[in-house]
Amino acid sequence: GVEAELPHYDLKRNPGERNERPGNEHYRHNQRLKTLIID
């Protein structure tokens, strides 16, 4: 019942958005991740 969003916008298309995913990371379904709540 609780989901979170990890934004990784293409800053060329959306320069005002934030990118919270390192450039070398790509995720697969059901992969476990440790993340930090920022907002």
PDB file of all heavy atoms in Angstrom:
ATOM      1  N   GLY A   1       0.778  -1.227   0.000  1.00  0.00           N
ATOM      2  CA  GLY A   1       0.000   0.000   0.000  1.00  0.00           C
ATOM      3  C   GLY A   1       0.809   1.276   0.000  1.00  0.00           C
ATOM      4  O   GLY A   1       0.233   2.362  -0.055  1.00  0.00           O
ATOM      5  N   VAL A   2       2.125   1.191   0.061  1.00  0.00           N
ATOM      6  CA  VAL A   2       2.973   2.389   0.098  1.00  0.00           C
ATOM      7  C   VAL A   2       4.029   2.280  -0.987  1.00  0.00           C
ATOM      8  O   VAL A   2       4.828   1.340  -0.999  1.00  0.00           O
ATOM      9  CB  VAL A   2       3.652   2.570   1.478  1.00  0.00           C
ATOM     10  CG1 VAL A   2       4.540   3.814   1.461  1.00  0.00           C
ATOM     11  CG2 VAL A   2       2.608   2.680   2.574  1.00  0.00           C
ATOM     12  N   GLU A   3       4.005   3.225  -1.888  1.00  0.00           N
ATOM     13  CA  GLU A   3       4.974   3.258  -2.979  1.00  0.00           C
ATOM     14  C   GLU A   3       5.718   4.583  -2.961  1.00  0.00           C
ATOM     15  O   GLU A   3       5.229   5.577  -2.431  1.00  0.00           O
ATOM     16  CB  GLU A   3       4.261   3.074  -4.328  1.00  0.00           C
ATOM     17  CG  GLU A   3       3.561   1.735  -4.468  1.00  0.00           C
ATOM     18  CD  GLU A   3       2.742   1.654  -5.747  1.00  0.00           C
ATOM     19  OE1 GLU A   3       2.634   2.687  -6.439  1.00  0.00           O
ATOM     20  OE2 GLU A   3       2.212   0.566  -6.043  1.00  0.00           O
ATOM     21  N   ALA A   4       6.910   4.568  -3.552  1.00  0.00           N
ATOM     22  CA  ALA A   4       7.739   5.770  -3.626  1.00  0.00           C
ATOM     23  C   ALA A   4       8.195   5.971  -5.056  1.00  0.00           C
ATOM     24  O   ALA A   4       8.234   5.024  -5.860  1.00  0.00           O
ATOM     25  CB  ALA A   4       8.948   5.653  -2.692  1.00  0.00           C
ATOM     26  N   GLU A   5       8.545   7.203  -5.360  1.00  0.00           N
ATOM     27  CA  GLU A   5       9.007   7.551  -6.705  1.00  0.00           C
ATOM     28  C   GLU A   5      10.483   7.916  -6.678  1.00  0.00           C
ATOM     29  O   GLU A   5      10.914   8.723  -5.857  1.00  0.00           O
ATOM     30  CB  GLU A   5       8.207   8.734  -7.241  1.00  0.00           C
ATOM     31  CG  GLU A   5       8.743   9.272  -8.560  1.00  0.00           C
ATOM     32  CD  GLU A   5       8.209  10.649  -8.891  1.00  0.00           C
ATOM     33  OE1 GLU A   5       7.257  11.090  -8.222  1.00  0.00           O
ATOM     34  OE2 GLU A   5       8.754  11.292  -9.803  1.00  0.00           O
ATOM     35  N   LEU A   6      11.250   7.308  -7.562  1.00  0.00           N
ATOM     36  CA  LEU A   6      12.654   7.652  -7.766  1.00  0.00           C
ATOM     37  C   LEU A   6      12.757   8.374  -9.111  1.00  0.00           C
ATOM     38  O   LEU A   6      12.770   7.742 -10.162  1.00  0.00           O
ATOM     39  CB  LEU A   6      13.530   6.402  -7.764  1.00  0.00           C
ATOM     40  CG  LEU A   6      15.027   6.620  -8.013  1.00  0.00           C
ATOM     41  CD1 LEU A   6      15.676   7.301  -6.820  1.00  0.00           C
ATOM     42  CD2 LEU A   6      15.735   5.302  -8.295  1.00  0.00           C
ATOM     43  N   PRO A   7      12.793   9.710  -9.113  1.00  0.00           N
ATOM     44  CA  PRO A   7      12.797  10.437 -10.388  1.00  0.00           C
ATOM     45  C   PRO A   7      14.156  10.383 -11.080  1.00  0.00           C
ATOM     46  O   PRO A   7      15.198  10.450 -10.436  1.00  0.00           O
ATOM     47  CB  PRO A   7      12.446  11.874  -9.979  1.00  0.00           C
ATOM     48  CG  PRO A   7      12.832  11.973  -8.553  1.00  0.00           C
ATOM     49  CD  PRO A   7      12.741  10.606  -7.954  1.00  0.00           C
ATOM     50  N   HIS A   8      14.131  10.237 -12.390  1.00  0.00           N
ATOM     51  CA  HIS A   8      15.370  10.301 -13.172  1.00  0.00           C
ATOM     52  C   HIS A   8      15.044  10.897 -14.538  1.00  0.00           C
ATOM     53  O   HIS A   8      15.204  10.262 -15.576  1.00  0.00           O
ATOM     54  CB  HIS A   8      16.040   8.924 -13.307  1.00  0.00           C
ATOM     55  CG  HIS A   8      15.109   7.800 -13.618  1.00  0.00           C
ATOM     56  ND1 HIS A   8      14.642   7.540 -14.882  1.00  0.00           N
ATOM     57  CD2 HIS A   8      14.549   6.868 -12.812  1.00  0.00           C
ATOM     58  CE1 HIS A   8      13.849   6.472 -14.856  1.00  0.00           C
ATOM     59  NE2 HIS A   8      13.764   6.049 -13.606  1.00  0.00           N
ATOM     60  N   TYR A   9      14.579  12.129 -14.493  1.00  0.00           N
ATOM     61  CA  TYR A   9      14.160  12.814 -15.719  1.00  0.00           C
ATOM     62  C   TYR A   9      15.336  13.047 -16.651  1.00  0.00           C
ATOM     63  O   TYR A   9      16.469  13.227 -16.228  1.00  0.00           O
ATOM     64  CB  TYR A   9      13.521  14.161 -15.381  1.00  0.00           C
ATOM     65  CG  TYR A   9      12.220  14.054 -14.648  1.00  0.00           C
ATOM     66  CD1 TYR A   9      12.167  14.160 -13.268  1.00  0.00           C
ATOM     67  CD2 TYR A   9      11.038  13.828 -15.344  1.00  0.00           C
ATOM     68  CE1 TYR A   9      10.966  14.058 -12.588  1.00  0.00           C
ATOM     69  CE2 TYR A   9       9.834  13.725 -14.672  1.00  0.00           C
ATOM     70  CZ  TYR A   9       9.803  13.845 -13.302  1.00  0.00           C
ATOM     71  OH  TYR A   9       8.618  13.731 -12.631  1.00  0.00           O
ATOM     72  N   ASP A  10      15.015  13.076 -17.929  1.00  0.00           N
ATOM     73  CA  ASP A  10      15.979  13.500 -18.935  1.00  0.00           C
ATOM     74  C   ASP A  10      16.066  15.017 -18.838  1.00  0.00           C
ATOM     75  O   ASP A  10      15.142  15.731 -19.230  1.00  0.00           O
ATOM     76  CB  ASP A  10      15.501  13.069 -20.324  1.00  0.00           C
ATOM     77  CG  ASP A  10      16.490  13.459 -21.416  1.00  0.00           C
ATOM     78  OD1 ASP A  10      17.457  14.184 -21.111  1.00  0.00           O
ATOM     79  OD2 ASP A  10      16.290  13.061 -22.577  1.00  0.00           O
ATOM     80  N   LEU A  11      17.168  15.506 -18.293  1.00  0.00           N
ATOM     81  CA  LEU A  11      17.279  16.938 -18.032  1.00  0.00           C
ATOM     82  C   LEU A  11      17.342  17.760 -19.310  1.00  0.00           C
ATOM     83  O   LEU A  11      17.146  18.975 -19.274  1.00  0.00           O
ATOM     84  CB  LEU A  11      18.519  17.209 -17.169  1.00  0.00           C
ATOM     85  CG  LEU A  11      18.490  16.545 -15.789  1.00  0.00           C
ATOM     86  CD1 LEU A  11      19.716  16.943 -14.982  1.00  0.00           C
ATOM     87  CD2 LEU A  11      17.226  16.932 -15.024  1.00  0.00           C
ATOM     88  N   LYS A  12      17.613  17.127 -20.444  1.00  0.00           N
ATOM     89  CA  LYS A  12      17.577  17.861 -21.705  1.00  0.00           C
ATOM     90  C   LYS A  12      16.135  18.194 -22.082  1.00  0.00           C
ATOM     91  O   LYS A  12      15.848  19.250 -22.636  1.00  0.00           O
ATOM     92  CB  LYS A  12      18.234  17.037 -22.810  1.00  0.00           C
ATOM     93  CG  LYS A  12      19.742  16.854 -22.626  1.00  0.00           C
ATOM     94  CD  LYS A  12      20.339  16.051 -23.776  1.00  0.00           C
ATOM     95  CE  LYS A  12      21.851  15.893 -23.586  1.00  0.00           C
ATOM     96  NZ  LYS A  12      22.462  15.094 -24.694  1.00  0.00           N
ATOM     97  N   ARG A  13      15.232  17.274 -21.787  1.00  0.00           N
ATOM     98  CA  ARG A  13      13.813  17.525 -22.078  1.00  0.00           C
ATOM     99  C   ARG A  13      13.126  18.282 -20.961  1.00  0.00           C
ATOM    100  O   ARG A  13      12.217  19.075 -21.196  1.00  0.00           O
ATOM    101  CB  ARG A  13      13.080  16.191 -22.303  1.00  0.00           C
ATOM    102  CG  ARG A  13      13.507  15.437 -23.540  1.00  0.00           C
ATOM    103  CD  ARG A  13      12.605  14.243 -23.799  1.00  0.00           C
ATOM    104  NE  ARG A  13      12.666  13.260 -22.723  1.00  0.00           N
ATOM    105  CZ  ARG A  13      11.679  13.012 -21.883  1.00  0.00           C
ATOM    106  NH1 ARG A  13      10.545  13.661 -21.978  1.00  0.00           N
ATOM    107  NH2 ARG A  13      11.811  12.096 -20.950  1.00  0.00           N
ATOM    108  N   ASN A  14      13.535  18.024 -19.710  1.00  0.00           N
ATOM    109  CA  ASN A  14      12.904  18.643 -18.546  1.00  0.00           C
ATOM    110  C   ASN A  14      13.977  19.230 -17.637  1.00  0.00           C
ATOM    111  O   ASN A  14      14.305  18.666 -16.587  1.00  0.00           O
ATOM    112  CB  ASN A  14      12.075  17.601 -17.776  1.00  0.00           C
ATOM    113  CG  ASN A  14      11.084  16.883 -18.675  1.00  0.00           C
ATOM    114  OD1 ASN A  14      10.127  17.463 -19.140  1.00  0.00           O
ATOM    115  ND2 ASN A  14      11.340  15.605 -18.924  1.00  0.00           N
ATOM    116  N   PRO A  15      14.558  20.360 -18.019  1.00  0.00           N
ATOM    117  CA  PRO A  15      15.691  20.915 -17.253  1.00  0.00           C
ATOM    118  C   PRO A  15      15.333  21.336 -15.837  1.00  0.00           C
ATOM    119  O   PRO A  15      16.197  21.417 -14.987  1.00  0.00           O
ATOM    120  CB  PRO A  15      16.118  22.124 -18.099  1.00  0.00           C
ATOM    121  CG  PRO A  15      14.925  22.467 -18.928  1.00  0.00           C
ATOM    122  CD  PRO A  15      14.227  21.176 -19.197  1.00  0.00           C
ATOM    123  N   GLY A  16      14.054  21.565 -15.578  1.00  0.00           N
ATOM    124  CA  GLY A  16      13.678  21.989 -14.236  1.00  0.00           C
ATOM    125  C   GLY A  16      13.437  20.854 -13.267  1.00  0.00           C
ATOM    126  O   GLY A  16      13.200  21.091 -12.082  1.00  0.00           O
ATOM    127  N   GLU A  17      13.481  19.625 -13.724  1.00  0.00           N
ATOM    128  CA  GLU A  17      13.200  18.471 -12.864  1.00  0.00           C
ATOM    129  C   GLU A  17      14.486  17.968 -12.216  1.00  0.00           C
ATOM    130  O   GLU A  17      15.588  18.278 -12.643  1.00  0.00           O
ATOM    131  CB  GLU A  17      12.545  17.350 -13.684  1.00  0.00           C
ATOM    132  CG  GLU A  17      11.307  17.777 -14.455  1.00  0.00           C
ATOM    133  CD  GLU A  17      10.109  18.025 -13.556  1.00  0.00           C
ATOM    134  OE1 GLU A  17      10.231  17.854 -12.335  1.00  0.00           O
ATOM    135  OE2 GLU A  17       9.055  18.411 -14.085  1.00  0.00           O
ATOM    136  N   ARG A  18      14.335  17.159 -11.177  1.00  0.00           N
ATOM    137  CA  ARG A  18      15.508  16.635 -10.491  1.00  0.00           C
ATOM    138  C   ARG A  18      15.784  15.193 -10.907  1.00  0.00           C
ATOM    139  O   ARG A  18      14.868  14.437 -11.224  1.00  0.00           O
ATOM    140  CB  ARG A  18      15.322  16.726  -8.980  1.00  0.00           C
ATOM    141  CG  ARG A  18      14.070  16.059  -8.447  1.00  0.00           C
ATOM    142  CD  ARG A  18      13.945  16.317  -6.962  1.00  0.00           C
ATOM    143  NE  ARG A  18      12.623  16.001  -6.462  1.00  0.00           N
ATOM    144  CZ  ARG A  18      12.193  16.351  -5.255  1.00  0.00           C
ATOM    145  NH1 ARG A  18      12.993  17.022  -4.458  1.00  0.00           N
ATOM    146  NH2 ARG A  18      10.989  16.040  -4.847  1.00  0.00           N
ATOM    147  N   ASN A  19      17.045  14.842 -10.862  1.00  0.00           N
ATOM    148  CA  ASN A  19      17.478  13.497 -11.230  1.00  0.00           C
ATOM    149  C   ASN A  19      18.088  12.849  -9.999  1.00  0.00           C
ATOM    150  O   ASN A  19      19.125  13.293  -9.510  1.00  0.00           O
ATOM    151  CB  ASN A  19      18.489  13.561 -12.375  1.00  0.00           C
ATOM    152  CG  ASN A  19      18.794  12.179 -12.937  1.00  0.00           C
ATOM    153  OD1 ASN A  19      18.619  11.169 -12.259  1.00  0.00           O
ATOM    154  ND2 ASN A  19      19.270  12.130 -14.161  1.00  0.00           N
ATOM    155  N   GLU A  20      17.445  11.826  -9.481  1.00  0.00           N
ATOM    156  CA  GLU A  20      17.903  11.170  -8.254  1.00  0.00           C
ATOM    157  C   GLU A  20      18.455   9.776  -8.516  1.00  0.00           C
ATOM    158  O   GLU A  20      18.638   8.998  -7.583  1.00  0.00           O
ATOM    159  CB  GLU A  20      16.751  11.090  -7.237  1.00  0.00           C
ATOM    160  CG  GLU A  20      16.139  12.432  -6.859  1.00  0.00           C
ATOM    161  CD  GLU A  20      17.119  13.374  -6.176  1.00  0.00           C
ATOM    162  OE1 GLU A  20      18.133  12.872  -5.642  1.00  0.00           O
ATOM    163  OE2 GLU A  20      16.883  14.598  -6.185  1.00  0.00           O
ATOM    164  N   ARG A  21      18.725   9.450  -9.771  1.00  0.00           N
ATOM    165  CA  ARG A  21      19.306   8.145 -10.100  1.00  0.00           C
ATOM    166  C   ARG A  21      20.703   8.335 -10.671  1.00  0.00           C
ATOM    167  O   ARG A  21      20.897   9.104 -11.610  1.00  0.00           O
ATOM    168  CB  ARG A  21      18.436   7.430 -11.151  1.00  0.00           C
ATOM    169  CG  ARG A  21      18.971   6.052 -11.534  1.00  0.00           C
ATOM    170  CD  ARG A  21      18.199   5.463 -12.698  1.00  0.00           C
ATOM    171  NE  ARG A  21      18.464   6.192 -13.946  1.00  0.00           N
ATOM    172  CZ  ARG A  21      17.981   5.840 -15.127  1.00  0.00           C
ATOM    173  NH1 ARG A  21      17.182   4.794 -15.220  1.00  0.00           N
ATOM    174  NH2 ARG A  21      18.256   6.545 -16.208  1.00  0.00           N
ATOM    175  N   PRO A  22      21.713   7.667 -10.094  1.00  0.00           N
ATOM    176  CA  PRO A  22      23.060   7.745 -10.676  1.00  0.00           C
ATOM    177  C   PRO A  22      23.061   7.291 -12.120  1.00  0.00           C
ATOM    178  O   PRO A  22      22.305   6.379 -12.508  1.00  0.00           O
ATOM    179  CB  PRO A  22      23.877   6.794  -9.784  1.00  0.00           C
ATOM    180  CG  PRO A  22      23.129   6.738  -8.487  1.00  0.00           C
ATOM    181  CD  PRO A  22      21.680   6.860  -8.863  1.00  0.00           C
ATOM    182  N   GLY A  23      23.903   7.909 -12.926  1.00  0.00           N
ATOM    183  CA  GLY A  23      23.912   7.625 -14.355  1.00  0.00           C
ATOM    184  C   GLY A  23      24.278   6.199 -14.715  1.00  0.00           C
ATOM    185  O   GLY A  23      23.932   5.719 -15.796  1.00  0.00           O
ATOM    186  N   ASN A  24      24.976   5.497 -13.810  1.00  0.00           N
ATOM    187  CA  ASN A  24      25.412   4.132 -14.131  1.00  0.00           C
ATOM    188  C   ASN A  24      24.428   3.070 -13.655  1.00  0.00           C
ATOM    189  O   ASN A  24      24.714   1.876 -13.751  1.00  0.00           O
ATOM    190  CB  ASN A  24      26.779   3.860 -13.493  1.00  0.00           C
ATOM    191  CG  ASN A  24      26.714   3.843 -11.972  1.00  0.00           C
ATOM    192  OD1 ASN A  24      25.920   4.561 -11.369  1.00  0.00           O
ATOM    193  ND2 ASN A  24      27.552   3.021 -11.346  1.00  0.00           N
ATOM    194  N   GLU A  25      23.265   3.480 -13.125  1.00  0.00           N
ATOM    195  CA  GLU A  25      22.332   2.509 -12.562  1.00  0.00           C
ATOM    196  C   GLU A  25      21.092   2.356 -13.446  1.00  0.00           C
ATOM    197  O   GLU A  25      20.515   3.347 -13.911  1.00  0.00           O
ATOM    198  CB  GLU A  25      21.898   2.929 -11.153  1.00  0.00           C
ATOM    199  CG  GLU A  25      23.021   2.866 -10.134  1.00  0.00           C
ATOM    200  CD  GLU A  25      22.528   3.080  -8.721  1.00  0.00           C
ATOM    201  OE1 GLU A  25      21.304   3.297  -8.526  1.00  0.00           O
ATOM    202  OE2 GLU A  25      23.365   3.040  -7.798  1.00  0.00           O
ATOM    203  N   HIS A  26      20.693   1.103 -13.639  1.00  0.00           N
ATOM    204  CA  HIS A  26      19.450   0.771 -14.328  1.00  0.00           C
ATOM    205  C   HIS A  26      18.816  -0.376 -13.555  1.00  0.00           C
ATOM    206  O   HIS A  26      19.503  -1.310 -13.127  1.00  0.00           O
ATOM    207  CB  HIS A  26      19.712   0.381 -15.778  1.00  0.00           C
ATOM    208  CG  HIS A  26      20.337   1.484 -16.586  1.00  0.00           C
ATOM    209  ND1 HIS A  26      19.604   2.509 -17.140  1.00  0.00           N
ATOM    210  CD2 HIS A  26      21.635   1.736 -16.890  1.00  0.00           C
ATOM    211  CE1 HIS A  26      20.417   3.339 -17.768  1.00  0.00           C
ATOM    212  NE2 HIS A  26      21.664   2.895 -17.632  1.00  0.00           N
ATOM    213  N   TYR A  27      17.511  -0.315 -13.367  1.00  0.00           N
ATOM    214  CA  TYR A  27      16.851  -1.231 -12.451  1.00  0.00           C
ATOM    215  C   TYR A  27      15.961  -2.227 -13.204  1.00  0.00           C
ATOM    216  O   TYR A  27      15.421  -1.930 -14.272  1.00  0.00           O
ATOM    217  CB  TYR A  27      16.013  -0.443 -11.441  1.00  0.00           C
ATOM    218  CG  TYR A  27      16.763   0.713 -10.824  1.00  0.00           C
ATOM    219  CD1 TYR A  27      16.277   2.021 -10.911  1.00  0.00           C
ATOM    220  CD2 TYR A  27      17.982   0.513 -10.190  1.00  0.00           C
ATOM    221  CE1 TYR A  27      16.967   3.081 -10.362  1.00  0.00           C
ATOM    222  CE2 TYR A  27      18.686   1.566  -9.640  1.00  0.00           C
ATOM    223  CZ  TYR A  27      18.177   2.853  -9.733  1.00  0.00           C
ATOM    224  OH  TYR A  27      18.876   3.897  -9.203  1.00  0.00           O
ATOM    225  N   ARG A  28      15.807  -3.390 -12.589  1.00  0.00           N
ATOM    226  CA  ARG A  28      14.955  -4.429 -13.165  1.00  0.00           C
ATOM    227  C   ARG A  28      13.804  -4.715 -12.199  1.00  0.00           C
ATOM    228  O   ARG A  28      13.870  -4.382 -11.009  1.00  0.00           O
ATOM    229  CB  ARG A  28      15.756  -5.711 -13.420  1.00  0.00           C
ATOM    230  CG  ARG A  28      16.346  -6.346 -12.180  1.00  0.00           C
ATOM    231  CD  ARG A  28      17.180  -7.567 -12.487  1.00  0.00           C
ATOM    232  NE  ARG A  28      17.649  -8.214 -11.271  1.00  0.00           N
ATOM    233  CZ  ARG A  28      18.724  -7.848 -10.598  1.00  0.00           C
ATOM    234  NH1 ARG A  28      19.463  -6.835 -11.025  1.00  0.00           N
ATOM    235  NH2 ARG A  28      19.075  -8.481  -9.500  1.00  0.00           N
ATOM    236  N   HIS A  29      12.766  -5.333 -12.709  1.00  0.00           N
ATOM    237  CA  HIS A  29      11.580  -5.615 -11.911  1.00  0.00           C
ATOM    238  C   HIS A  29      11.922  -6.512 -10.724  1.00  0.00           C
ATOM    239  O   HIS A  29      12.695  -7.467 -10.830  1.00  0.00           O
ATOM    240  CB  HIS A  29      10.520  -6.295 -12.788  1.00  0.00           C
ATOM    241  CG  HIS A  29       9.239  -6.570 -12.071  1.00  0.00           C
ATOM    242  ND1 HIS A  29       8.430  -5.569 -11.565  1.00  0.00           N
ATOM    243  CD2 HIS A  29       8.625  -7.740 -11.752  1.00  0.00           C
ATOM    244  CE1 HIS A  29       7.379  -6.107 -10.988  1.00  0.00           C
ATOM    245  NE2 HIS A  29       7.466  -7.425 -11.081  1.00  0.00           N
ATOM    246  N   ASN A  30      11.362  -6.163  -9.558  1.00  0.00           N
ATOM    247  CA  ASN A  30      11.546  -6.892  -8.291  1.00  0.00           C
ATOM    248  C   ASN A  30      12.955  -6.762  -7.723  1.00  0.00           C
ATOM    249  O   ASN A  30      13.296  -7.465  -6.754  1.00  0.00           O
ATOM    250  CB  ASN A  30      11.196  -8.377  -8.441  1.00  0.00           C
ATOM    251  CG  ASN A  30       9.700  -8.619  -8.398  1.00  0.00           C
ATOM    252  OD1 ASN A  30       8.947  -7.802  -7.853  1.00  0.00           O
ATOM    253  ND2 ASN A  30       9.245  -9.714  -8.978  1.00  0.00           N
ATOM    254  N   GLN A  31      13.780  -5.911  -8.268  1.00  0.00           N
ATOM    255  CA  GLN A  31      15.111  -5.679  -7.696  1.00  0.00           C
ATOM    256  C   GLN A  31      14.972  -4.912  -6.377  1.00  0.00           C
ATOM    257  O   GLN A  31      14.193  -3.969  -6.270  1.00  0.00           O
ATOM    258  CB  GLN A  31      15.955  -4.861  -8.682  1.00  0.00           C
ATOM    259  CG  GLN A  31      17.358  -4.548  -8.164  1.00  0.00           C
ATOM    260  CD  GLN A  31      18.162  -3.736  -9.170  1.00  0.00           C
ATOM    261  OE1 GLN A  31      17.762  -3.603 -10.321  1.00  0.00           O
ATOM    262  NE2 GLN A  31      19.278  -3.206  -8.734  1.00  0.00           N
ATOM    263  N   ARG A  32      15.739  -5.315  -5.374  1.00  0.00           N
ATOM    264  CA  ARG A  32      15.701  -4.639  -4.077  1.00  0.00           C
ATOM    265  C   ARG A  32      16.692  -3.479  -4.088  1.00  0.00           C
ATOM    266  O   ARG A  32      17.831  -3.612  -4.539  1.00  0.00           O
ATOM    267  CB  ARG A  32      16.035  -5.620  -2.939  1.00  0.00           C
ATOM    268  CG  ARG A  32      14.964  -6.680  -2.731  1.00  0.00           C
ATOM    269  CD  ARG A  32      15.291  -7.583  -1.555  1.00  0.00           C
ATOM    270  NE  ARG A  32      15.306  -6.870  -0.290  1.00  0.00           N
ATOM    271  CZ  ARG A  32      14.223  -6.568   0.417  1.00  0.00           C
ATOM    272  NH1 ARG A  32      13.018  -6.904  -0.028  1.00  0.00           N
ATOM    273  NH2 ARG A  32      14.318  -5.937   1.559  1.00  0.00           N
ATOM    274  N   LEU A  33      16.224  -2.341  -3.545  1.00  0.00           N
ATOM    275  CA  LEU A  33      17.041  -1.129  -3.524  1.00  0.00           C
ATOM    276  C   LEU A  33      16.952  -0.460  -2.163  1.00  0.00           C
ATOM    277  O   LEU A  33      15.887  -0.427  -1.537  1.00  0.00           O
ATOM    278  CB  LEU A  33      16.553  -0.125  -4.581  1.00  0.00           C
ATOM    279  CG  LEU A  33      16.891  -0.344  -6.048  1.00  0.00           C
ATOM    280  CD1 LEU A  33      16.278   0.786  -6.863  1.00  0.00           C
ATOM    281  CD2 LEU A  33      18.392  -0.375  -6.257  1.00  0.00           C
ATOM    282  N   LYS A  34      18.078   0.079  -1.728  1.00  0.00           N
ATOM    283  CA  LYS A  34      18.087   0.961  -0.553  1.00  0.00           C
ATOM    284  C   LYS A  34      18.082   2.396  -1.063  1.00  0.00           C
ATOM    285  O   LYS A  34      18.915   2.779  -1.881  1.00  0.00           O
ATOM    286  CB  LYS A  34      19.320   0.710   0.319  1.00  0.00           C
ATOM    287  CG  LYS A  34      19.254  -0.579   1.136  1.00  0.00           C
ATOM    288  CD  LYS A  34      20.455  -0.689   2.059  1.00  0.00           C
ATOM    289  CE  LYS A  34      20.320  -1.867   3.021  1.00  0.00           C
ATOM    290  NZ  LYS A  34      20.323  -3.151   2.343  1.00  0.00           N
ATOM    291  N   THR A  35      17.136   3.185  -0.597  1.00  0.00           N
ATOM    292  CA  THR A  35      17.003   4.560  -1.046  1.00  0.00           C
ATOM    293  C   THR A  35      16.816   5.482   0.156  1.00  0.00           C
ATOM    294  O   THR A  35      16.480   5.030   1.256  1.00  0.00           O
ATOM    295  CB  THR A  35      15.809   4.731  -2.001  1.00  0.00           C
ATOM    296  OG1 THR A  35      14.609   4.314  -1.332  1.00  0.00           O
ATOM    297  CG2 THR A  35      15.999   3.901  -3.266  1.00  0.00           C
ATOM    298  N   LEU A  36      17.002   6.768  -0.086  1.00  0.00           N
ATOM    299  CA  LEU A  36      16.865   7.775   0.968  1.00  0.00           C
ATOM    300  C   LEU A  36      15.626   8.608   0.694  1.00  0.00           C
ATOM    301  O   LEU A  36      15.445   9.125  -0.417  1.00  0.00           O
ATOM    302  CB  LEU A  36      18.109   8.673   0.998  1.00  0.00           C
ATOM    303  CG  LEU A  36      18.192   9.664   2.163  1.00  0.00           C
ATOM    304  CD1 LEU A  36      18.686   8.951   3.420  1.00  0.00           C
ATOM    305  CD2 LEU A  36      19.125  10.824   1.820  1.00  0.00           C
ATOM    306  N   ILE A  37      14.770   8.757   1.694  1.00  0.00           N
ATOM    307  CA  ILE A  37      13.591   9.610   1.551  1.00  0.00           C
ATOM    308  C   ILE A  37      14.029  11.067   1.584  1.00  0.00           C
ATOM    309  O   ILE A  37      14.638  11.522   2.558  1.00  0.00           O
ATOM    310  CB  ILE A  37      12.563   9.339   2.669  1.00  0.00           C
ATOM    311  CG1 ILE A  37      12.073   7.892   2.606  1.00  0.00           C
ATOM    312  CG2 ILE A  37      11.379  10.293   2.547  1.00  0.00           C
ATOM    313  CD1 ILE A  37      11.122   7.525   3.734  1.00  0.00           C
ATOM    314  N   ILE A  38      13.740  11.815   0.514  1.00  0.00           N
ATOM    315  CA  ILE A  38      14.148  13.218   0.452  1.00  0.00           C
ATOM    316  C   ILE A  38      12.961  14.175   0.454  1.00  0.00           C
ATOM    317  O   ILE A  38      13.136  15.377   0.680  1.00  0.00           O
ATOM    318  CB  ILE A  38      15.024  13.494  -0.787  1.00  0.00           C
ATOM    319  CG1 ILE A  38      14.271  13.129  -2.072  1.00  0.00           C
ATOM    320  CG2 ILE A  38      16.335  12.736  -0.699  1.00  0.00           C
ATOM    321  CD1 ILE A  38      14.998  13.563  -3.330  1.00  0.00           C
ATOM    322  N   ASP A  39      11.753  13.657   0.223  1.00  0.00           N
ATOM    323  CA  ASP A  39      10.594  14.544   0.195  1.00  0.00           C
ATOM    324  C   ASP A  39       9.333  13.711   0.325  1.00  0.00           C
ATOM    325  O   ASP A  39       9.274  12.569  -0.148  1.00  0.00           O
ATOM    326  CB  ASP A  39      10.569  15.339  -1.120  1.00  0.00           C
ATOM    327  CG  ASP A  39       9.479  16.409  -1.140  1.00  0.00           C
ATOM    328  OD1 ASP A  39       9.042  16.816  -0.039  1.00  0.00           O
ATOM    329  OD2 ASP A  39       9.078  16.844  -2.237  1.00  0.00           O
TER     330      ASP A  39
END
